[in-house]
Amino acid sequence: MPFKAYLEQLVAGGHLNHLNDQEKTKARAERAENRTEEEIQTIHVIHGPLHPEAARIIRAELNDAFSSK
């Protein structure tokens, strides 16, 4: 079983709840309830690295990580 699927199964089964910070989860839920319509419609974009060599290195590392399953 791939690692990601295994983790998803553990989370769905509630086996990792002891690792969850309940105070942060509660605070995050409260912030989500109090968001304005404008905040909800904002899309934040994370751009990749600007340097081509850095992008190549990151792609190579990801390919190595996921091809060795």
Protein backbone atom coordinates (compact mmCIF):
# COMPACT_ATOMS: atom_id res chain seq x y z
CA MET A 1 0.00 0.00 0.00
CA PRO A 2 1.44 3.41 -0.92
CA PHE A 3 2.43 5.52 2.04
CA LYS A 4 -0.05 8.32 1.26
CA ALA A 5 -2.96 5.89 1.10
CA TYR A 6 -1.83 4.34 4.38
CA LEU A 7 -1.73 7.75 6.09
CA GLU A 8 -5.16 8.64 4.70
CA GLN A 9 -6.50 5.37 6.08
CA LEU A 10 -5.03 6.13 9.52
CA VAL A 11 -6.50 9.64 9.52
CA ALA A 12 -9.93 8.40 8.40
CA GLY A 13 -9.87 5.80 11.16
CA GLY A 14 -9.03 8.42 13.79
CA HIS A 15 -5.74 6.76 14.72
CA LEU A 16 -3.75 9.99 14.52
CA ASN A 17 -6.03 12.22 16.62
CA HIS A 18 -3.51 12.30 19.47
CA LEU A 19 -1.12 14.15 17.14
CA ASN A 20 -3.63 16.89 16.36
CA ASP A 21 -3.39 20.11 18.37
CA GLN A 22 -7.00 20.64 19.44
CA GLU A 23 -6.52 24.31 20.34
CA LYS A 24 -5.14 25.15 16.89
CA THR A 25 -7.90 23.17 15.22
CA LYS A 26 -10.56 25.03 17.21
CA ALA A 27 -8.95 28.42 16.48
CA ARG A 28 -8.73 27.61 12.76
CA ALA A 29 -12.41 26.63 12.69
CA GLU A 30 -13.38 29.88 14.43
CA ARG A 31 -11.35 31.94 11.95
CA ALA A 32 -13.02 30.12 9.06
CA GLU A 33 -16.47 30.94 10.46
CA ASN A 34 -15.62 34.64 10.78
CA ARG A 35 -14.21 35.14 7.26
CA THR A 36 -15.73 37.81 5.10
CA GLU A 37 -17.06 37.16 1.60
CA GLU A 38 -14.04 38.99 0.16
CA GLU A 39 -11.59 36.76 2.03
CA ILE A 40 -13.36 33.64 0.83
CA GLN A 41 -13.14 34.73 -2.80
CA THR A 42 -9.41 35.51 -2.68
CA ILE A 43 -7.18 32.94 -4.38
CA HIS A 44 -3.61 32.85 -3.12
CA VAL A 45 -1.09 31.45 -5.58
CA ILE A 46 2.25 29.96 -4.64
CA HIS A 47 4.68 30.32 -7.51
CA GLY A 48 7.48 27.88 -8.13
CA PRO A 49 11.16 28.72 -7.95
CA LEU A 50 12.28 31.43 -10.35
CA HIS A 51 15.71 29.97 -10.98
CA PRO A 52 15.61 27.21 -13.65
CA GLU A 53 18.34 25.16 -11.95
CA ALA A 54 16.39 25.14 -8.67
CA ALA A 55 13.29 23.97 -10.52
CA ARG A 56 15.27 21.17 -12.18
CA ILE A 57 16.70 20.00 -8.85
CA ILE A 58 13.28 20.01 -7.18
CA ARG A 59 11.73 18.06 -10.07
CA ALA A 60 14.56 15.50 -9.92
CA GLU A 61 14.13 15.05 -6.15
CA LEU A 62 10.37 14.61 -6.49
CA ASN A 63 10.82 12.12 -9.32
CA ASP A 64 13.28 10.13 -7.21
CA ALA A 65 10.99 10.20 -4.19
CA PHE A 66 7.92 9.02 -6.05
CA SER A 67 9.58 6.57 -8.43
CA SER A 68 11.10 4.54 -5.58
CA LYS A 69 7.74 3.40 -4.18
